[in-house]
Amino acid sequence: MFLGIVTIELFIPHSDSLKAKRSVVTGLKERLKRLNASVAEVEGQDLWQRATLGLALVGNSAARLEAAVDEARRIVEREYRAQIVAFDWDVSPVP
């Protein structure tokens, strides 16, 4: 069994309220959940233009998880209202 952990820091330049930010973040979370990932906003909940999303993926193959991480990055890159500040990930076997 393998575990994939992804941290995505986002800048949302045109957000002028928490409601506007929530619209962007909620849409991204829904699209990322289609990868069978657990997704949560883990930092910056009170900031209008910043968000940090955390993803957790579990699978039977490191290659499949790495492909899912690549797809997650593509999903976030397609969101024109947000810019990726940092994208960190790790796939490792579970002891």
Protein backbone atom coordinates (compact mmCIF):
# COMPACT_ATOMS: atom_id res chain seq x y z
CA MET A 1 0.00 0.00 0.00
CA PHE A 2 1.23 3.50 -0.87
CA LEU A 3 0.30 6.91 0.50
CA GLY A 4 0.41 10.15 -1.47
CA ILE A 5 0.40 13.50 0.31
CA VAL A 6 0.06 16.75 -1.66
CA THR A 7 0.19 20.34 -0.41
CA ILE A 8 -0.90 23.10 -2.78
CA GLU A 9 -0.47 26.77 -1.88
CA LEU A 10 -2.65 29.09 -3.94
CA PHE A 11 -2.85 32.81 -4.60
CA ILE A 12 -6.29 34.03 -5.67
CA PRO A 13 -5.57 37.56 -6.96
CA HIS A 14 -9.09 38.75 -7.79
CA SER A 15 -10.71 37.58 -4.57
CA ASP A 16 -12.08 40.53 -2.61
CA SER A 17 -13.90 38.55 0.10
CA LEU A 18 -13.95 35.20 1.82
CA LYS A 19 -17.07 34.37 -0.18
CA ALA A 20 -15.24 34.91 -3.48
CA LYS A 21 -12.32 32.81 -2.26
CA ARG A 22 -14.66 30.04 -1.09
CA SER A 23 -16.14 29.87 -4.60
CA VAL A 24 -12.71 29.12 -6.07
CA VAL A 25 -11.62 26.74 -3.31
CA THR A 26 -14.90 24.79 -3.24
CA GLY A 27 -14.80 24.28 -7.00
CA LEU A 28 -11.24 23.02 -6.86
CA LYS A 29 -11.99 20.69 -3.97
CA GLU A 30 -14.91 19.14 -5.85
CA ARG A 31 -12.82 18.56 -8.98
CA LEU A 32 -9.94 17.08 -6.96
CA LYS A 33 -12.26 14.70 -5.13
CA ARG A 34 -12.96 13.03 -8.48
CA LEU A 35 -9.46 11.56 -8.15
CA ASN A 36 -10.68 9.63 -5.09
CA ALA A 37 -8.61 11.95 -2.91
CA SER A 38 -9.40 13.37 0.48
CA VAL A 39 -9.16 17.15 0.14
CA ALA A 40 -9.26 19.92 2.73
CA GLU A 41 -8.27 23.55 3.06
CA VAL A 42 -5.56 23.27 5.71
CA GLU A 43 -4.23 26.84 6.05
CA GLY A 44 -5.24 30.39 5.32
CA GLN A 45 -8.95 29.96 6.01
CA ASP A 46 -9.24 33.59 7.17
CA LEU A 47 -7.24 35.12 4.28
CA TRP A 48 -9.03 36.45 1.21
CA GLN A 49 -6.38 35.74 -1.41
CA ARG A 50 -4.45 32.77 -0.04
CA ALA A 51 -5.39 29.13 0.43
CA THR A 52 -3.51 25.94 1.14
CA LEU A 53 -5.10 22.66 0.11
CA GLY A 54 -4.04 19.28 1.42
CA LEU A 55 -4.72 16.06 -0.49
CA ALA A 56 -4.32 12.48 0.67
CA LEU A 57 -4.33 9.54 -1.74
CA VAL A 58 -4.02 5.83 -1.03
CA GLY A 59 -3.33 3.15 -3.62
CA ASN A 60 -1.66 -0.13 -4.38
CA SER A 61 0.96 1.29 -6.75
CA ALA A 62 3.33 4.24 -6.54
CA ALA A 63 3.02 4.78 -10.29
CA ARG A 64 -0.76 5.16 -10.08
CA LEU A 65 -0.46 7.64 -7.23
CA GLU A 66 2.16 9.65 -9.11
CA ALA A 67 -0.20 9.78 -12.10
CA ALA A 68 -2.98 11.00 -9.80
CA VAL A 69 -0.65 13.70 -8.40
CA ASP A 70 0.11 14.83 -11.97
CA GLU A 71 -3.60 14.97 -12.73
CA ALA A 72 -4.22 16.98 -9.54
CA ARG A 73 -1.65 19.53 -10.68
CA ARG A 74 -3.28 19.78 -14.11
CA ILE A 75 -6.70 20.32 -12.49
CA VAL A 76 -5.37 23.16 -10.35
CA GLU A 77 -3.45 24.71 -13.26
CA ARG A 78 -6.66 24.84 -15.31
CA GLU A 79 -8.35 27.00 -12.63
CA TYR A 80 -7.81 30.44 -14.14
CA ARG A 81 -8.87 32.27 -10.95
CA ALA A 82 -6.00 30.81 -8.88
CA GLN A 83 -2.23 30.71 -9.24
CA ILE A 84 -0.05 27.98 -7.78
CA VAL A 85 2.51 29.40 -5.37
CA ALA A 86 3.86 26.01 -4.24
CA PHE A 87 3.07 22.38 -5.10
CA ASP A 88 4.73 19.81 -2.85
CA TRP A 89 4.07 16.08 -2.92
CA ASP A 90 5.38 12.79 -1.67
CA VAL A 91 4.43 9.21 -2.48
CA SER A 92 5.77 6.58 -0.11
CA PRO A 93 5.04 3.01 0.95
CA VAL A 94 3.06 2.50 4.14
CA PRO A 95 4.89 0.21 6.57
